[in-house]
């Protein structure tokens, strides 16, 4: 079998905002080509959240009341 000449590809890093914008643009172009609007929702876009620690007070121990 012949080996194909492989050209090394450069790694490209895109931010989440850029990816989101690219999707938005392609959807709007597609809706123009089709001739009817495609509803573009905000999709509640949020970049991955950093983990946050929540501080909680320890619960007070449950006291058994003596029955009389």
PDB file of N, CA and C in Angstrom:
ATOM      1  N   UNK A   1       0.843  -1.195   0.000  1.00  0.00           N
ATOM      2  CA  UNK A   1       0.000   0.000   0.000  1.00  0.00           C
ATOM      3  C   UNK A   1       0.877   1.243   0.000  1.00  0.00           C
ATOM      4  N   UNK A   2       0.414   2.235  -0.735  1.00  0.00           N
ATOM      5  CA  UNK A   2       1.142   3.495  -0.769  1.00  0.00           C
ATOM      6  C   UNK A   2       0.795   4.327   0.450  1.00  0.00           C
ATOM      7  N   UNK A   3       1.799   5.004   0.966  1.00  0.00           N
ATOM      8  CA  UNK A   3       1.535   5.910   2.070  1.00  0.00           C
ATOM      9  C   UNK A   3       1.219   7.276   1.498  1.00  0.00           C
ATOM     10  N   UNK A   4       0.175   7.883   2.010  1.00  0.00           N
ATOM     11  CA  UNK A   4      -0.188   9.217   1.557  1.00  0.00           C
ATOM     12  C   UNK A   4       0.722  10.228   2.232  1.00  0.00           C
ATOM     13  N   UNK A   5       1.056  11.268   1.488  1.00  0.00           N
ATOM     14  CA  UNK A   5       1.846  12.336   2.085  1.00  0.00           C
ATOM     15  C   UNK A   5       0.955  13.122   3.029  1.00  0.00           C
ATOM     16  N   UNK A   6       1.311  13.090   4.283  1.00  0.00           N
ATOM     17  CA  UNK A   6       0.488  13.794   5.261  1.00  0.00           C
ATOM     18  C   UNK A   6       1.126  15.131   5.595  1.00  0.00           C
ATOM     19  N   UNK A   7       0.329  16.166   5.500  1.00  0.00           N
ATOM     20  CA  UNK A   7       0.805  17.493   5.857  1.00  0.00           C
ATOM     21  C   UNK A   7       0.415  17.726   7.308  1.00  0.00           C
ATOM     22  N   UNK A   8       1.384  18.060   8.135  1.00  0.00           N
ATOM     23  CA  UNK A   8       1.024  18.288   9.543  1.00  0.00           C
ATOM     24  C   UNK A   8       0.103  19.494   9.680  1.00  0.00           C
ATOM     25  N   UNK A   9      -0.964  19.300  10.404  1.00  0.00           N
ATOM     26  CA  UNK A   9      -1.911  20.401  10.571  1.00  0.00           C
ATOM     27  C   UNK A   9      -1.589  21.147  11.855  1.00  0.00           C
ATOM     28  N   UNK A  10      -1.819  22.441  11.806  1.00  0.00           N
ATOM     29  CA  UNK A  10      -1.546  23.257  12.985  1.00  0.00           C
ATOM     30  C   UNK A  10      -2.724  23.161  13.945  1.00  0.00           C
ATOM     31  N   UNK A  11      -2.402  23.130  15.207  1.00  0.00           N
ATOM     32  CA  UNK A  11      -3.458  23.121  16.221  1.00  0.00           C
ATOM     33  C   UNK A  11      -4.035  24.518  16.327  1.00  0.00           C
ATOM     34  N   UNK A  12      -5.351  24.588  16.294  1.00  0.00           N
ATOM     35  CA  UNK A  12      -6.015  25.880  16.403  1.00  0.00           C
ATOM     36  C   UNK A  12      -6.914  25.829  17.623  1.00  0.00           C
ATOM     37  N   UNK A  13      -6.750  26.794  18.492  1.00  0.00           N
ATOM     38  CA  UNK A  13      -7.634  26.824  19.659  1.00  0.00           C
ATOM     39  C   UNK A  13      -8.593  27.992  19.514  1.00  0.00           C
ATOM     40  N   UNK A  14      -9.865  27.698  19.681  1.00  0.00           N
ATOM     41  CA  UNK A  14     -10.889  28.736  19.589  1.00  0.00           C
ATOM     42  C   UNK A  14     -11.607  28.784  20.928  1.00  0.00           C
ATOM     43  N   UNK A  15     -11.996  29.968  21.300  1.00  0.00           N
ATOM     44  CA  UNK A  15     -12.721  30.107  22.559  1.00  0.00           C
ATOM     45  C   UNK A  15     -14.170  29.680  22.348  1.00  0.00           C
ATOM     46  N   UNK A  16     -14.863  29.445  23.442  1.00  0.00           N
ATOM     47  CA  UNK A  16     -16.269  29.051  23.361  1.00  0.00           C
ATOM     48  C   UNK A  16     -17.106  30.154  22.732  1.00  0.00           C
ATOM     49  N   UNK A  17     -16.747  31.403  23.036  1.00  0.00           N
ATOM     50  CA  UNK A  17     -17.496  32.526  22.469  1.00  0.00           C
ATOM     51  C   UNK A  17     -17.364  32.547  20.951  1.00  0.00           C
ATOM     52  N   UNK A  18     -16.147  32.274  20.449  1.00  0.00           N
ATOM     53  CA  UNK A  18     -15.927  32.258  18.999  1.00  0.00           C
ATOM     54  C   UNK A  18     -16.702  31.119  18.347  1.00  0.00           C
ATOM     55  N   UNK A  19     -16.708  29.959  18.975  1.00  0.00           N
ATOM     56  CA  UNK A  19     -17.472  28.829  18.432  1.00  0.00           C
ATOM     57  C   UNK A  19     -18.954  29.173  18.369  1.00  0.00           C
ATOM     58  N   UNK A  20     -19.451  29.779  19.424  1.00  0.00           N
ATOM     59  CA  UNK A  20     -20.857  30.154  19.495  1.00  0.00           C
ATOM     60  C   UNK A  20     -21.200  31.152  18.399  1.00  0.00           C
ATOM     61  N   UNK A  21     -20.307  32.125  18.180  1.00  0.00           N
ATOM     62  CA  UNK A  21     -20.533  33.139  17.152  1.00  0.00           C
ATOM     63  C   UNK A  21     -20.517  32.508  15.759  1.00  0.00           C
ATOM     64  N   UNK A  22     -19.621  31.547  15.536  1.00  0.00           N
ATOM     65  CA  UNK A  22     -19.549  30.868  14.236  1.00  0.00           C
ATOM     66  C   UNK A  22     -20.850  30.119  13.951  1.00  0.00           C
ATOM     67  N   UNK A  23     -21.396  29.469  14.949  1.00  0.00           N
ATOM     68  CA  UNK A  23     -22.658  28.738  14.783  1.00  0.00           C
ATOM     69  C   UNK A  23     -23.782  29.709  14.468  1.00  0.00           C
ATOM     70  N   UNK A  24     -23.803  30.822  15.175  1.00  0.00           N
ATOM     71  CA  UNK A  24     -24.822  31.853  14.936  1.00  0.00           C
ATOM     72  C   UNK A  24     -24.780  32.365  13.506  1.00  0.00           C
ATOM     73  N   UNK A  25     -23.558  32.670  13.024  1.00  0.00           N
ATOM     74  CA  UNK A  25     -23.408  33.197  11.663  1.00  0.00           C
ATOM     75  C   UNK A  25     -23.862  32.172  10.633  1.00  0.00           C
ATOM     76  N   UNK A  26     -23.460  30.912  10.818  1.00  0.00           N
ATOM     77  CA  UNK A  26     -23.838  29.894   9.837  1.00  0.00           C
ATOM     78  C   UNK A  26     -25.346  29.657   9.834  1.00  0.00           C
ATOM     79  N   UNK A  27     -25.980  29.741  10.993  1.00  0.00           N
ATOM     80  CA  UNK A  27     -27.437  29.590  11.041  1.00  0.00           C
ATOM     81  C   UNK A  27     -28.142  30.735  10.328  1.00  0.00           C
ATOM     82  N   UNK A  28     -27.624  31.953  10.493  1.00  0.00           N
ATOM     83  CA  UNK A  28     -28.277  33.086   9.832  1.00  0.00           C
ATOM     84  C   UNK A  28     -28.094  33.005   8.316  1.00  0.00           C
ATOM     85  N   UNK A  29     -26.918  32.548   7.849  1.00  0.00           N
ATOM     86  CA  UNK A  29     -26.704  32.378   6.402  1.00  0.00           C
ATOM     87  C   UNK A  29     -27.646  31.309   5.854  1.00  0.00           C
ATOM     88  N   UNK A  30     -27.783  30.233   6.595  1.00  0.00           N
ATOM     89  CA  UNK A  30     -28.651  29.139   6.161  1.00  0.00           C
ATOM     90  C   UNK A  30     -30.098  29.590   6.079  1.00  0.00           C
ATOM     91  N   UNK A  31     -30.530  30.376   7.042  1.00  0.00           N
ATOM     92  CA  UNK A  31     -31.921  30.841   7.020  1.00  0.00           C
ATOM     93  C   UNK A  31     -32.166  31.768   5.834  1.00  0.00           C
ATOM     94  N   UNK A  32     -31.147  32.554   5.430  1.00  0.00           N
ATOM     95  CA  UNK A  32     -31.294  33.406   4.244  1.00  0.00           C
ATOM     96  C   UNK A  32     -31.411  32.556   2.989  1.00  0.00           C
ATOM     97  N   UNK A  33     -30.572  31.506   2.887  1.00  0.00           N
ATOM     98  CA  UNK A  33     -30.593  30.645   1.705  1.00  0.00           C
ATOM     99  C   UNK A  33     -31.916  29.894   1.585  1.00  0.00           C
ATOM    100  N   UNK A  34     -32.442  29.425   2.692  1.00  0.00           N
ATOM    101  CA  UNK A  34     -33.684  28.662   2.658  1.00  0.00           C
ATOM    102  C   UNK A  34     -34.900  29.554   2.450  1.00  0.00           C
ATOM    103  N   UNK A  35     -34.776  30.811   2.814  1.00  0.00           N
ATOM    104  CA  UNK A  35     -35.874  31.741   2.583  1.00  0.00           C
ATOM    105  C   UNK A  35     -36.858  31.846   3.725  1.00  0.00           C
ATOM    106  N   UNK A  36     -36.623  31.145   4.797  1.00  0.00           N
ATOM    107  CA  UNK A  36     -37.484  31.319   5.964  1.00  0.00           C
ATOM    108  C   UNK A  36     -36.604  31.400   7.207  1.00  0.00           C
ATOM    109  N   UNK A  37     -37.057  32.163   8.182  1.00  0.00           N
ATOM    110  CA  UNK A  37     -36.209  32.380   9.357  1.00  0.00           C
ATOM    111  C   UNK A  37     -36.066  31.142  10.232  1.00  0.00           C
ATOM    112  N   UNK A  38     -34.852  30.922  10.672  1.00  0.00           N
ATOM    113  CA  UNK A  38     -34.593  29.868  11.648  1.00  0.00           C
ATOM    114  C   UNK A  38     -34.447  30.576  12.982  1.00  0.00           C
ATOM    115  N   UNK A  39     -35.240  30.157  13.942  1.00  0.00           N
ATOM    116  CA  UNK A  39     -35.200  30.815  15.240  1.00  0.00           C
ATOM    117  C   UNK A  39     -33.861  30.533  15.913  1.00  0.00           C
ATOM    118  N   UNK A  40     -33.144  31.602  16.198  1.00  0.00           N
ATOM    119  CA  UNK A  40     -31.862  31.458  16.878  1.00  0.00           C
ATOM    120  C   UNK A  40     -32.057  31.900  18.316  1.00  0.00           C
ATOM    121  N   UNK A  41     -32.046  30.935  19.204  1.00  0.00           N
ATOM    122  CA  UNK A  41     -32.197  31.262  20.616  1.00  0.00           C
ATOM    123  C   UNK A  41     -30.824  31.527  21.199  1.00  0.00           C
ATOM    124  N   UNK A  42     -30.811  32.166  22.323  1.00  0.00           N
ATOM    125  CA  UNK A  42     -29.535  32.443  22.979  1.00  0.00           C
ATOM    126  C   UNK A  42     -28.926  31.160  23.514  1.00  0.00           C
ATOM    127  N   UNK A  43     -29.729  30.135  23.681  1.00  0.00           N
ATOM    128  CA  UNK A  43     -29.298  28.826  24.158  1.00  0.00           C
ATOM    129  C   UNK A  43     -28.631  28.913  25.520  1.00  0.00           C
ATOM    130  N   UNK A  44     -28.905  30.003  26.239  1.00  0.00           N
ATOM    131  CA  UNK A  44     -28.315  30.194  27.566  1.00  0.00           C
ATOM    132  C   UNK A  44     -26.824  29.898  27.555  1.00  0.00           C
ATOM    133  N   UNK A  45     -26.135  30.509  26.607  1.00  0.00           N
ATOM    134  CA  UNK A  45     -24.709  30.237  26.452  1.00  0.00           C
ATOM    135  C   UNK A  45     -23.939  30.656  27.688  1.00  0.00           C
ATOM    136  N   UNK A  46     -23.223  29.702  28.233  1.00  0.00           N
ATOM    137  CA  UNK A  46     -22.342  29.989  29.362  1.00  0.00           C
ATOM    138  C   UNK A  46     -21.079  29.177  29.159  1.00  0.00           C
ATOM    139  N   UNK A  47     -19.927  29.808  29.229  1.00  0.00           N
ATOM    140  CA  UNK A  47     -18.702  29.016  29.154  1.00  0.00           C
ATOM    141  C   UNK A  47     -18.615  28.103  30.373  1.00  0.00           C
ATOM    142  N   UNK A  48     -17.828  27.047  30.298  1.00  0.00           N
ATOM    143  CA  UNK A  48     -17.749  26.127  31.429  1.00  0.00           C
ATOM    144  C   UNK A  48     -17.408  26.877  32.713  1.00  0.00           C
ATOM    145  N   UNK A  49     -18.182  26.637  33.734  1.00  0.00           N
ATOM    146  CA  UNK A  49     -17.995  27.356  34.995  1.00  0.00           C
ATOM    147  C   UNK A  49     -16.837  26.756  35.772  1.00  0.00           C
ATOM    148  N   UNK A  50     -16.150  27.619  36.469  1.00  0.00           N
ATOM    149  CA  UNK A  50     -15.102  27.117  37.350  1.00  0.00           C
ATOM    150  C   UNK A  50     -15.804  26.511  38.563  1.00  0.00           C
ATOM    151  N   UNK A  51     -15.178  25.515  39.118  1.00  0.00           N
ATOM    152  CA  UNK A  51     -15.813  24.889  40.278  1.00  0.00           C
ATOM    153  C   UNK A  51     -15.765  25.856  41.448  1.00  0.00           C
ATOM    154  N   UNK A  52     -16.882  26.011  42.086  1.00  0.00           N
ATOM    155  CA  UNK A  52     -16.940  26.914  43.231  1.00  0.00           C
ATOM    156  C   UNK A  52     -17.254  26.098  44.469  1.00  0.00           C
ATOM    157  N   UNK A  53     -16.632  26.470  45.546  1.00  0.00           N
ATOM    158  CA  UNK A  53     -16.897  25.741  46.785  1.00  0.00           C
ATOM    159  C   UNK A  53     -17.966  26.485  47.567  1.00  0.00           C
ATOM    160  N   UNK A  54     -18.878  25.745  48.105  1.00  0.00           N
ATOM    161  CA  UNK A  54     -19.957  26.334  48.881  1.00  0.00           C
ATOM    162  C   UNK A  54     -19.681  26.025  50.340  1.00  0.00           C
ATOM    163  N   UNK A  55     -19.612  27.072  51.131  1.00  0.00           N
ATOM    164  CA  UNK A  55     -19.346  26.826  52.552  1.00  0.00           C
ATOM    165  C   UNK A  55     -20.671  26.625  53.271  1.00  0.00           C
ATOM    166  N   UNK A  56     -20.749  25.568  54.031  1.00  0.00           N
ATOM    167  CA  UNK A  56     -21.974  25.275  54.765  1.00  0.00           C
ATOM    168  C   UNK A  56     -21.641  25.106  56.230  1.00  0.00           C
ATOM    169  N   UNK A  57     -22.551  25.589  57.061  1.00  0.00           N
ATOM    170  CA  UNK A  57     -22.364  25.392  58.491  1.00  0.00           C
ATOM    171  C   UNK A  57     -22.728  23.957  58.832  1.00  0.00           C
ATOM    172  N   UNK A  58     -21.983  23.356  59.726  1.00  0.00           N
ATOM    173  CA  UNK A  58     -22.365  21.993  60.117  1.00  0.00           C
ATOM    174  C   UNK A  58     -23.708  22.011  60.836  1.00  0.00           C
ATOM    175  N   UNK A  59     -24.490  21.003  60.589  1.00  0.00           N
ATOM    176  CA  UNK A  59     -25.800  20.928  61.230  1.00  0.00           C
ATOM    177  C   UNK A  59     -25.625  20.671  62.716  1.00  0.00           C
ATOM    178  N   UNK A  60     -26.495  21.259  63.492  1.00  0.00           N
ATOM    179  CA  UNK A  60     -26.405  21.028  64.937  1.00  0.00           C
ATOM    180  C   UNK A  60     -26.839  19.591  65.219  1.00  0.00           C
ATOM    181  N   UNK A  61     -26.183  18.946  66.152  1.00  0.00           N
ATOM    182  CA  UNK A  61     -26.535  17.548  66.434  1.00  0.00           C
ATOM    183  C   UNK A  61     -27.968  17.440  66.945  1.00  0.00           C
ATOM    184  N   UNK A  62     -28.622  16.371  66.562  1.00  0.00           N
ATOM    185  CA  UNK A  62     -30.007  16.159  66.981  1.00  0.00           C
ATOM    186  C   UNK A  62     -29.993  15.681  68.427  1.00  0.00           C
ATOM    187  N   UNK A  63     -30.724  16.375  69.258  1.00  0.00           N
ATOM    188  CA  UNK A  63     -30.758  16.011  70.677  1.00  0.00           C
ATOM    189  C   UNK A  63     -32.010  15.183  70.943  1.00  0.00           C
ATOM    190  N   UNK A  64     -31.807  14.062  71.587  1.00  0.00           N
ATOM    191  CA  UNK A  64     -32.952  13.228  71.963  1.00  0.00           C
ATOM    192  C   UNK A  64     -33.546  13.777  73.250  1.00  0.00           C
ATOM    193  N   UNK A  65     -34.814  14.125  73.185  1.00  0.00           N
ATOM    194  CA  UNK A  65     -35.463  14.638  74.393  1.00  0.00           C
ATOM    195  C   UNK A  65     -35.980  13.451  75.200  1.00  0.00           C
ATOM    196  N   UNK A  66     -35.743  13.523  76.479  1.00  0.00           N
ATOM    197  CA  UNK A  66     -36.232  12.447  77.356  1.00  0.00           C
ATOM    198  C   UNK A  66     -37.740  12.548  77.493  1.00  0.00           C
ATOM    199  N   UNK A  67     -38.400  11.424  77.325  1.00  0.00           N
ATOM    200  CA  UNK A  67     -39.857  11.409  77.492  1.00  0.00           C
ATOM    201  C   UNK A  67     -40.175  11.188  78.956  1.00  0.00           C
ATOM    202  N   UNK A  68     -41.092  11.971  79.493  1.00  0.00           N
ATOM    203  CA  UNK A  68     -41.442  11.819  80.911  1.00  0.00           C
ATOM    204  C   UNK A  68     -42.765  11.138  81.067  1.00  0.00           C
TER     205      UNK A  68
END
